[in-house]
Amino acid sequence: MAHNNIYILGVSHQRAGFDLLSRAAFSPEEQLEFPRILLARPLIAEACIVSTCNRNELYVRTEGRTLTREELKKCWQDFNPRLTEKDFEFFYLWENEQAIEHLFRVTAGMDSLIPGETEIVGQVKSAFRRAASASFTGIYLNHLFETALQVEKRVRTQTSISVGAVSVAYAAVELAQKIIRRMSDKKALLIGSGETGQLVALHLKQKGIGHIYVANRTGAHARTLAEKFSGEALPLQDIHKVLPEVDLVVGATASPDYMISGPMMRQVMKIRNQRPLIMIDIAIPRDFDPALSRFENIFLHDMSSLEKIVENNKTRRREEFDKAGVIIREETGKFLQWCRGLELKPTIISLRRKMEDIRNGEIEKYRHRVDEAHWVLVEQITRGLLNKILHLPLSNLKEMEGGQGEVHRKINLVREIFDLREEENV
């Protein structure tokens, strides 16, 4: 009897550096080309590639016999000669139950560089849709990836795996929100429009900040970022003009000099009439004079305090992994049971059909001895007996335990004992 196996051959940030991950990556075109080559082989029935900046993984389902690591490695290496034998020492191979559990962990953010991050679920979904649209996946991988997406939702809702900032930019905005509370009628000044500054602006907008001023050494960059978030750009030399009216200031430049000094803020605080101001410095070197922490009604936070928040949140997220692991193991068990049910279906149908043929053959011998009224009773009694006889072995088949190989062995044993031939179109 033909059986199915699911494999993952891959490499991720857990074992490899950026150079290897870059060489192992698949372009959008290659993510369609490589599975097409694999599916031309008679052994491989389904394929999907998940390729991100932190991982490159090949998912395949085979039919008929097992695949070795060497066979999968050779397929990948033939397609991508940039990869060496040494490179493949950093690759991992997961089979069946381990492969299923691995995908569930990946999709839930448990295998990510940032624990609990949510970006990976979108990347997995895109990879699956790409493969499914090209008809590279079938009933097994379709159900596997659909289940992975459902597992991710369950993990997010039933654990706190994604709670708490794990980037300095987000931690800065989260801290500001805790102090300010209502953001919708507040104004913020963002100094710096680089990558970190852009993330701060994005998070501020998502938290509902009322208005954003963006100041940057390059005016065009400030205008681009400000327009993106319906804010207002201004030159660096003019930040003193808006400091009296804002509620929050975030420094995110790469300047070697302070953007805001003590003397500047003495004048500003007089104009503000000592109204409280939150200042968050996420620049290296510092954008704000550390002496500002001694000013009355200025609440200054720097990178050291934010990094502590980030590390504490990462620790709390990892602590949620035990809860998430329970969910994933439970869902893995359900998926394996679904696989067994799918593979058992031909055997169950064959066994029932054979037993029913025997029953019909036996009672037909006595058809001429029984009148019509009693014949209905004979039919009912013998069918009931057959159902009771088959109930226990069929139930045990459906609840069969053991690894994929052991399950296949038991199914084949049943087919051999009862001399069940391969059924077509069952």
Protein backbone atom coordinates (compact mmCIF):
# COMPACT_ATOMS: atom_id res chain seq x y z
CA MET A 1 0.00 0.00 0.00
CA ALA A 2 1.35 3.45 -0.92
CA HIS A 3 1.91 5.72 2.08
CA ASN A 4 2.73 9.37 2.59
CA ASN A 5 5.58 11.17 4.35
CA ILE A 6 6.08 14.88 5.00
CA TYR A 7 9.62 16.31 5.08
CA ILE A 8 11.22 19.69 5.78
CA LEU A 9 14.79 20.38 4.70
CA GLY A 10 15.88 23.85 5.72
CA VAL A 11 18.29 26.30 7.28
CA SER A 12 17.52 29.21 9.60
CA HIS A 13 19.08 31.92 11.76
CA GLN A 14 19.18 29.37 14.59
CA ARG A 15 22.13 27.60 12.94
CA ALA A 16 23.43 29.78 10.11
CA GLY A 17 24.74 33.28 9.52
CA PHE A 18 23.56 35.91 7.07
CA ASP A 19 25.97 34.80 4.31
CA LEU A 20 24.66 31.23 4.16
CA LEU A 21 21.03 32.35 4.50
CA SER A 22 21.55 34.71 1.55
CA ARG A 23 23.08 32.00 -0.65
CA ALA A 24 20.33 29.53 0.26
CA ALA A 25 17.51 32.01 -0.43
CA PHE A 26 15.02 31.58 -3.26
CA SER A 27 13.93 34.48 -5.45
CA PRO A 28 10.17 34.74 -6.19
CA GLU A 29 10.82 33.12 -9.57
CA GLU A 30 12.86 30.28 -8.03
CA GLN A 31 10.09 29.61 -5.52
CA LEU A 32 8.00 28.57 -8.51
CA GLU A 33 10.75 26.99 -10.59
CA PHE A 34 12.24 24.62 -7.98
CA PRO A 35 8.95 22.94 -6.90
CA ARG A 36 8.09 22.43 -10.57
CA ILE A 37 11.36 20.51 -11.02
CA LEU A 38 10.75 18.47 -7.87
CA LEU A 39 7.21 17.53 -8.85
CA ALA A 40 8.47 16.15 -12.15
CA ARG A 41 10.01 13.33 -10.06
CA PRO A 42 7.56 10.41 -9.61
CA LEU A 43 8.25 10.16 -5.87
CA ILE A 44 7.36 13.75 -4.84
CA ALA A 45 3.65 14.54 -4.83
CA GLU A 46 3.53 18.02 -3.20
CA ALA A 47 6.01 20.83 -2.55
CA CYS A 48 6.20 24.31 -1.03
CA ILE A 49 9.05 26.73 -0.29
CA VAL A 50 9.16 29.18 2.64
CA SER A 51 11.97 31.67 2.04
CA THR A 52 12.50 34.73 4.29
CA CYS A 53 15.50 36.74 5.43
CA ASN A 54 15.85 34.42 8.45
CA ARG A 55 14.96 31.00 7.01
CA ASN A 56 14.81 28.93 3.82
CA GLU A 57 12.75 25.74 4.02
CA LEU A 58 11.60 23.14 1.52
CA TYR A 59 8.41 21.25 2.36
CA VAL A 60 7.61 18.08 0.39
CA ARG A 61 5.17 15.19 0.62
CA THR A 62 6.22 11.87 -0.86
CA GLU A 63 4.11 8.96 -1.97
CA GLY A 64 5.19 5.34 -2.05
CA ARG A 65 8.49 5.33 -0.16
CA THR A 66 10.70 7.39 2.13
CA LEU A 67 13.21 10.05 1.08
CA THR A 68 16.71 10.34 2.50
CA ARG A 69 18.46 13.53 3.53
CA GLU A 70 21.00 12.92 0.76
CA GLU A 71 18.30 12.74 -1.92
CA LEU A 72 16.70 16.02 -0.81
CA LYS A 73 20.09 17.68 -0.40
CA LYS A 74 21.13 16.64 -3.91
CA CYS A 75 17.91 18.09 -5.37
CA TRP A 76 18.59 21.43 -3.66
CA GLN A 77 22.29 21.47 -4.50
CA ASP A 78 21.64 20.62 -8.17
CA PHE A 79 19.26 23.57 -8.32
CA ASN A 80 21.55 25.93 -6.37
CA PRO A 81 25.26 25.15 -7.02
CA ARG A 82 26.25 28.07 -4.76
CA LEU A 83 25.66 25.77 -1.78
CA THR A 84 28.58 23.56 -0.75
CA GLU A 85 28.77 20.28 1.13
CA LYS A 86 29.98 22.26 4.16
CA ASP A 87 26.91 24.50 3.95
CA PHE A 88 24.56 21.56 4.28
CA GLU A 89 26.05 20.69 7.65
CA PHE A 90 23.98 23.61 8.98
CA PHE A 91 20.73 22.37 7.41
CA TYR A 92 18.13 20.39 9.37
CA LEU A 93 15.78 17.65 8.19
CA TRP A 94 12.45 17.08 9.94
CA GLU A 95 10.11 14.21 9.10
CA ASN A 96 6.38 13.68 9.70
CA GLU A 97 5.50 14.49 13.34
CA GLN A 98 8.64 16.61 13.85
CA ALA A 99 8.03 18.40 10.55
CA ILE A 100 4.42 19.17 11.45
CA GLU A 101 5.36 20.48 14.90
CA HIS A 102 8.20 22.55 13.41
CA LEU A 103 5.88 24.38 10.99
CA PHE A 104 3.39 25.07 13.80
CA ARG A 105 6.21 26.53 15.96
CA VAL A 106 7.53 28.63 13.07
CA THR A 107 4.11 30.06 12.23
CA ALA A 108 3.44 30.88 15.89
CA GLY A 109 6.69 32.91 16.08
CA MET A 110 8.41 30.46 18.44
CA ASP A 111 11.38 29.88 16.12
CA SER A 112 11.86 33.54 15.19
CA LEU A 113 14.81 35.84 15.85
CA ILE A 114 12.42 37.99 17.89
CA PRO A 115 10.33 35.56 19.99
CA GLY A 116 6.61 35.84 19.35
CA GLU A 117 6.89 38.21 16.37
CA THR A 118 3.92 38.25 14.02
CA GLU A 119 5.60 38.98 10.67
CA ILE A 120 6.36 35.30 10.01
CA VAL A 121 2.70 34.27 9.82
CA GLY A 122 2.19 36.58 6.84
CA GLN A 123 5.30 35.19 5.18
CA VAL A 124 4.15 31.58 5.67
CA LYS A 125 0.69 32.45 4.35
CA SER A 126 2.17 34.09 1.24
CA ALA A 127 4.44 31.08 0.58
CA PHE A 128 1.51 28.68 0.89
CA ARG A 129 -0.75 30.74 -1.35
CA ARG A 130 1.98 30.98 -3.98
CA ALA A 131 2.46 27.20 -3.99
CA ALA A 132 -1.26 26.44 -3.89
CA SER A 133 -1.99 28.85 -6.77
CA ALA A 134 0.60 27.02 -8.87
CA SER A 135 -0.98 23.65 -7.91
CA PHE A 136 2.22 22.53 -6.16
CA THR A 137 0.28 21.52 -3.03
CA GLY A 138 -2.49 18.97 -2.57
CA ILE A 139 -4.71 17.62 0.16
CA TYR A 140 -1.86 17.00 2.67
CA LEU A 141 0.15 20.22 2.45
CA ASN A 142 -3.02 22.28 1.99
CA HIS A 143 -4.39 20.92 5.26
CA LEU A 144 -0.98 21.23 6.95
CA PHE A 145 -0.54 24.93 6.15
CA GLU A 146 -4.20 25.78 6.80
CA THR A 147 -3.90 24.08 10.18
CA ALA A 148 -0.66 25.97 10.91
CA LEU A 149 -2.46 29.28 10.37
CA GLN A 150 -5.28 28.18 12.70
CA VAL A 151 -2.75 27.05 15.31
CA GLU A 152 -1.07 30.47 15.14
CA LYS A 153 -4.41 32.18 15.91
CA ARG A 154 -5.03 29.87 18.83
CA VAL A 155 -1.54 30.48 20.26
CA ARG A 156 -1.95 34.27 19.96
CA THR A 157 -5.35 34.28 21.65
CA GLN A 158 -4.65 31.74 24.40
CA THR A 159 -1.14 32.89 25.41
CA SER A 160 0.72 36.17 25.83
CA ILE A 161 3.46 35.14 23.41
CA SER A 162 3.18 38.43 21.47
CA VAL A 163 2.56 40.81 24.38
CA GLY A 164 5.12 43.51 25.16
CA ALA A 165 7.53 45.52 23.04
CA VAL A 166 10.56 43.67 21.69
CA SER A 167 12.05 46.48 19.63
CA VAL A 168 13.47 49.71 21.03
CA ALA A 169 11.27 51.81 18.72
CA TYR A 170 8.10 50.10 19.88
CA ALA A 171 9.23 50.13 23.52
CA ALA A 172 9.70 53.90 23.28
CA VAL A 173 6.17 54.45 22.01
CA GLU A 174 4.67 51.93 24.44
CA LEU A 175 6.41 53.69 27.33
CA ALA A 176 5.13 57.06 26.15
CA GLN A 177 1.58 55.74 25.93
CA LYS A 178 1.73 54.40 29.48
CA ILE A 179 2.69 57.86 30.74
CA ILE A 180 0.46 59.96 28.45
CA ARG A 181 -2.41 57.43 28.27
CA ARG A 182 -4.66 59.31 25.82
CA MET A 183 -2.63 59.94 22.66
CA SER A 184 -5.32 61.35 20.38
CA ASP A 185 -5.03 64.98 21.63
CA LYS A 186 -1.25 64.93 22.07
CA LYS A 187 1.60 66.18 19.87
CA ALA A 188 4.96 64.51 19.30
CA LEU A 189 8.28 65.74 17.91
CA LEU A 190 10.37 63.10 16.20
CA ILE A 191 13.99 64.07 15.58
CA GLY A 192 15.52 61.82 12.92
CA SER A 193 13.89 60.10 9.95
CA GLY A 194 16.13 57.06 9.51
CA GLU A 195 14.98 53.46 9.88
CA THR A 196 14.43 53.74 13.64
CA GLY A 197 12.69 57.11 13.27
CA GLN A 198 10.36 55.64 10.64
CA LEU A 199 9.41 52.81 13.00
CA VAL A 200 8.73 55.29 15.80
CA ALA A 201 6.49 57.34 13.49
CA LEU A 202 4.63 54.19 12.42
CA HIS A 203 4.02 53.06 16.01
CA LEU A 204 2.97 56.56 17.09
CA LYS A 205 0.42 56.69 14.29
CA GLN A 206 -0.86 53.21 15.18
CA LYS A 207 -1.29 54.36 18.79
CA GLY A 208 -3.39 57.29 17.56
CA ILE A 209 -1.09 60.26 18.20
CA GLY A 210 -2.82 63.55 17.42
CA HIS A 211 0.00 65.23 15.46
CA ILE A 212 3.62 64.47 14.53
CA TYR A 213 6.38 66.95 13.81
CA VAL A 214 9.38 65.46 12.00
CA ALA A 215 12.77 67.18 12.08
CA ASN A 216 15.77 65.91 10.14
CA ARG A 217 19.07 67.21 8.83
CA THR A 218 17.88 66.44 5.29
CA GLY A 219 14.66 68.35 4.73
CA ALA A 220 13.43 66.10 1.92
CA HIS A 221 13.61 63.03 4.17
CA ALA A 222 11.69 64.82 6.91
CA ARG A 223 8.98 65.88 4.44
CA THR A 224 8.63 62.35 3.01
CA LEU A 225 8.15 60.81 6.45
CA ALA A 226 5.88 63.58 7.70
CA GLU A 227 3.62 63.32 4.64
CA LYS A 228 3.38 59.56 5.04
CA PHE A 229 1.84 59.98 8.48
CA SER A 230 -0.04 63.26 7.90
CA GLY A 231 2.52 65.12 9.97
CA GLU A 232 4.54 68.31 9.58
CA ALA A 233 8.24 68.61 8.65
CA LEU A 234 10.59 71.28 9.99
CA PRO A 235 14.33 72.04 9.87
CA LEU A 236 16.51 70.91 12.77
CA GLN A 237 17.29 74.52 13.67
CA ASP A 238 13.57 75.17 14.24
CA ILE A 239 12.82 72.45 16.79
CA HIS A 240 12.94 75.04 19.59
CA LYS A 241 9.80 76.59 18.02
CA VAL A 242 7.65 73.50 18.61
CA LEU A 243 9.15 72.26 21.88
CA PRO A 244 6.86 74.53 23.95
CA GLU A 245 3.72 72.86 22.51
CA VAL A 246 4.57 69.16 22.19
CA ASP A 247 3.95 66.47 24.83
CA LEU A 248 6.54 63.97 23.64
CA VAL A 249 9.99 64.25 22.06
CA VAL A 250 11.82 61.24 20.58
CA GLY A 251 15.47 61.50 19.51
CA ALA A 252 16.60 59.03 16.84
CA THR A 253 19.45 60.63 14.90
CA ALA A 254 23.06 59.56 14.36
CA SER A 255 24.43 62.98 15.27
CA PRO A 256 27.61 63.19 17.36
CA ASP A 257 26.22 66.29 19.12
CA TYR A 258 23.24 66.83 21.39
CA MET A 259 20.09 67.82 19.52
CA ILE A 260 18.61 69.28 22.70
CA SER A 261 20.83 70.83 25.37
CA GLY A 262 20.24 72.00 28.93
CA PRO A 263 20.28 75.76 28.16
CA MET A 264 17.76 75.29 25.32
CA MET A 265 15.34 73.44 27.61
CA ARG A 266 15.60 76.01 30.40
CA GLN A 267 14.09 78.58 28.05
CA VAL A 268 11.54 76.10 26.70
CA MET A 269 10.31 75.04 30.17
CA LYS A 270 9.75 78.68 31.10
CA ILE A 271 7.55 79.10 28.04
CA ARG A 272 5.76 75.82 28.84
CA ASN A 273 5.13 77.12 32.34
CA GLN A 274 6.68 73.87 33.63
CA ARG A 275 4.06 71.71 31.83
CA PRO A 276 5.37 68.09 31.89
CA LEU A 277 7.34 66.82 28.88
CA ILE A 278 8.31 63.25 28.07
CA MET A 279 11.68 62.88 26.34
CA ILE A 280 12.82 59.49 24.98
CA ASP A 281 16.37 59.23 23.65
CA ILE A 282 16.94 56.18 21.43
CA ALA A 283 19.96 57.60 19.63
CA ILE A 284 23.55 56.37 19.87
CA PRO A 285 25.35 58.62 20.71
CA ARG A 286 22.73 60.46 22.77
CA ASP A 287 20.54 63.16 21.23
CA PHE A 288 19.54 64.69 24.58
CA ASP A 289 21.80 66.09 27.31
CA PRO A 290 21.63 63.62 30.26
CA ALA A 291 21.46 66.64 32.58
CA LEU A 292 17.84 67.10 31.42
CA SER A 293 16.86 64.24 33.79
CA ARG A 294 17.39 66.67 36.67
CA PHE A 295 14.94 69.21 35.26
CA GLU A 296 11.62 69.49 37.05
CA ASN A 297 8.73 68.03 34.97
CA ILE A 298 11.00 66.55 32.28
CA PHE A 299 10.75 62.75 32.22
CA LEU A 300 13.84 61.53 30.36
CA HIS A 301 14.32 57.91 29.29
CA ASP A 302 17.33 56.60 27.37
CA MET A 303 18.46 53.43 25.60
CA SER A 304 19.53 51.64 28.78
CA SER A 305 16.05 51.80 30.31
CA LEU A 306 14.39 50.85 27.01
CA GLU A 307 16.71 47.88 26.47
CA LYS A 308 15.79 46.61 29.94
CA ILE A 309 12.11 46.80 28.97
CA VAL A 310 12.80 44.93 25.72
CA GLU A 311 14.79 42.16 27.43
CA ASN A 312 12.18 41.75 30.17
CA ASN A 313 9.46 41.46 27.52
CA LYS A 314 11.48 38.89 25.56
CA THR A 315 11.90 36.86 28.75
CA ARG A 316 8.16 37.02 29.45
CA ARG A 317 7.41 35.93 25.89
CA ARG A 318 9.73 32.93 26.19
CA GLU A 319 7.98 31.97 29.42
CA GLU A 320 4.78 31.68 27.38
CA PHE A 321 6.45 29.09 25.13
CA ASP A 322 5.48 26.28 27.53
CA LYS A 323 1.79 27.17 27.16
CA ALA A 324 2.15 27.50 23.40
CA GLY A 325 3.98 24.17 23.27
CA VAL A 326 1.02 22.38 24.86
CA ILE A 327 -1.28 23.79 22.17
CA ILE A 328 1.13 22.85 19.39
CA ARG A 329 1.55 19.26 20.62
CA GLU A 330 -2.21 18.90 20.87
CA GLU A 331 -2.73 20.26 17.34
CA THR A 332 0.08 18.07 16.01
CA GLY A 333 -1.70 15.03 17.43
CA LYS A 334 -4.95 16.09 15.76
CA PHE A 335 -3.20 16.54 12.42
CA LEU A 336 -1.55 13.11 12.64
CA GLN A 337 -4.93 11.58 13.45
CA TRP A 338 -6.37 13.31 10.36
CA CYS A 339 -3.53 11.85 8.27
CA ARG A 340 -4.17 8.38 9.65
CA GLY A 341 -7.86 8.72 8.87
CA LEU A 342 -7.06 9.71 5.31
CA GLU A 343 -4.64 6.82 4.82
CA LEU A 344 -6.93 4.36 6.59
CA LYS A 345 -9.93 5.16 4.42
CA PRO A 346 -9.02 2.76 1.56
CA THR A 347 -8.25 -0.03 4.04
CA ILE A 348 -11.49 0.49 5.97
CA ILE A 349 -13.53 0.58 2.76
CA SER A 350 -11.75 -2.53 1.45
CA LEU A 351 -12.27 -4.42 4.71
CA ARG A 352 -15.96 -3.50 4.93
CA ARG A 353 -16.49 -4.36 1.27
CA LYS A 354 -14.79 -7.75 1.66
CA MET A 355 -16.76 -8.63 4.79
CA GLU A 356 -19.98 -7.49 3.15
CA ASP A 357 -19.22 -9.65 0.11
CA ILE A 358 -18.68 -12.66 2.39
CA ARG A 359 -21.94 -11.94 4.24
CA ASN A 360 -23.91 -11.61 1.00
CA GLY A 361 -22.34 -14.75 -0.40
CA GLU A 362 -23.19 -16.81 2.66
CA ILE A 363 -26.78 -15.71 3.16
CA GLU A 364 -27.48 -16.00 -0.56
CA LYS A 365 -26.96 -19.77 -0.21
CA TYR A 366 -30.11 -19.90 1.94
CA ARG A 367 -32.17 -17.39 -0.02
CA HIS A 368 -34.45 -20.05 -1.46
CA ARG A 369 -35.26 -21.48 1.98
CA VAL A 370 -36.56 -18.22 3.51
CA ASP A 371 -39.75 -16.34 2.66
CA GLU A 372 -39.67 -12.59 1.95
CA ALA A 373 -40.82 -11.52 5.40
CA HIS A 374 -38.13 -13.54 7.15
CA TRP A 375 -35.49 -12.59 4.57
CA VAL A 376 -35.68 -8.96 5.72
CA LEU A 377 -35.03 -10.18 9.27
CA VAL A 378 -32.05 -12.30 8.12
CA GLU A 379 -30.60 -9.23 6.38
CA GLN A 380 -30.99 -7.11 9.51
CA ILE A 381 -29.52 -9.74 11.86
CA THR A 382 -26.47 -10.56 9.72
CA ARG A 383 -25.74 -6.90 8.95
CA GLY A 384 -25.98 -6.07 12.65
CA LEU A 385 -23.65 -8.93 13.52
CA LEU A 386 -21.14 -7.78 10.89
CA ASN A 387 -21.20 -4.19 12.19
CA LYS A 388 -20.60 -5.38 15.75
CA ILE A 389 -17.75 -7.67 14.66
CA LEU A 390 -16.09 -4.88 12.66
CA HIS A 391 -16.67 -2.11 15.23
CA LEU A 392 -13.73 -2.93 17.54
CA PRO A 393 -11.03 -3.57 14.90
CA LEU A 394 -12.08 -0.48 12.90
CA SER A 395 -12.12 1.67 16.05
CA ASN A 396 -8.66 0.39 16.98
CA LEU A 397 -7.44 1.13 13.46
CA LYS A 398 -8.70 4.72 13.68
CA GLU A 399 -7.09 5.27 17.08
CA MET A 400 -3.87 3.51 16.18
CA GLU A 401 -0.79 4.94 17.91
CA GLY A 402 2.85 4.98 16.91
CA GLY A 403 5.11 6.81 14.50
CA GLN A 404 4.30 7.18 10.84
CA GLY A 405 6.38 4.13 9.89
CA GLU A 406 4.76 2.00 12.61
CA VAL A 407 1.27 3.05 11.51
CA HIS A 408 2.04 2.15 7.89
CA ARG A 409 3.37 -1.23 9.04
CA LYS A 410 0.17 -1.97 10.95
CA ILE A 411 -2.03 -0.90 8.04
CA ASN A 412 -0.08 -3.17 5.68
CA LEU A 413 -0.38 -6.01 8.21
CA VAL A 414 -4.18 -5.63 8.27
CA ARG A 415 -4.30 -5.67 4.48
CA GLU A 416 -2.13 -8.78 4.40
CA ILE A 417 -4.14 -10.67 7.06
CA PHE A 418 -7.43 -10.03 5.28
CA ASP A 419 -5.92 -10.27 1.80
CA LEU A 420 -7.17 -6.80 0.86
CA ARG A 421 -6.28 -5.70 -2.64
CA GLU A 422 -5.62 -2.07 -3.56
CA GLU A 423 -8.94 -0.38 -4.25
CA GLU A 424 -9.23 2.24 -6.91
CA ASN A 425 -11.38 5.33 -6.58
CA VAL A 426 -12.40 4.64 -2.98
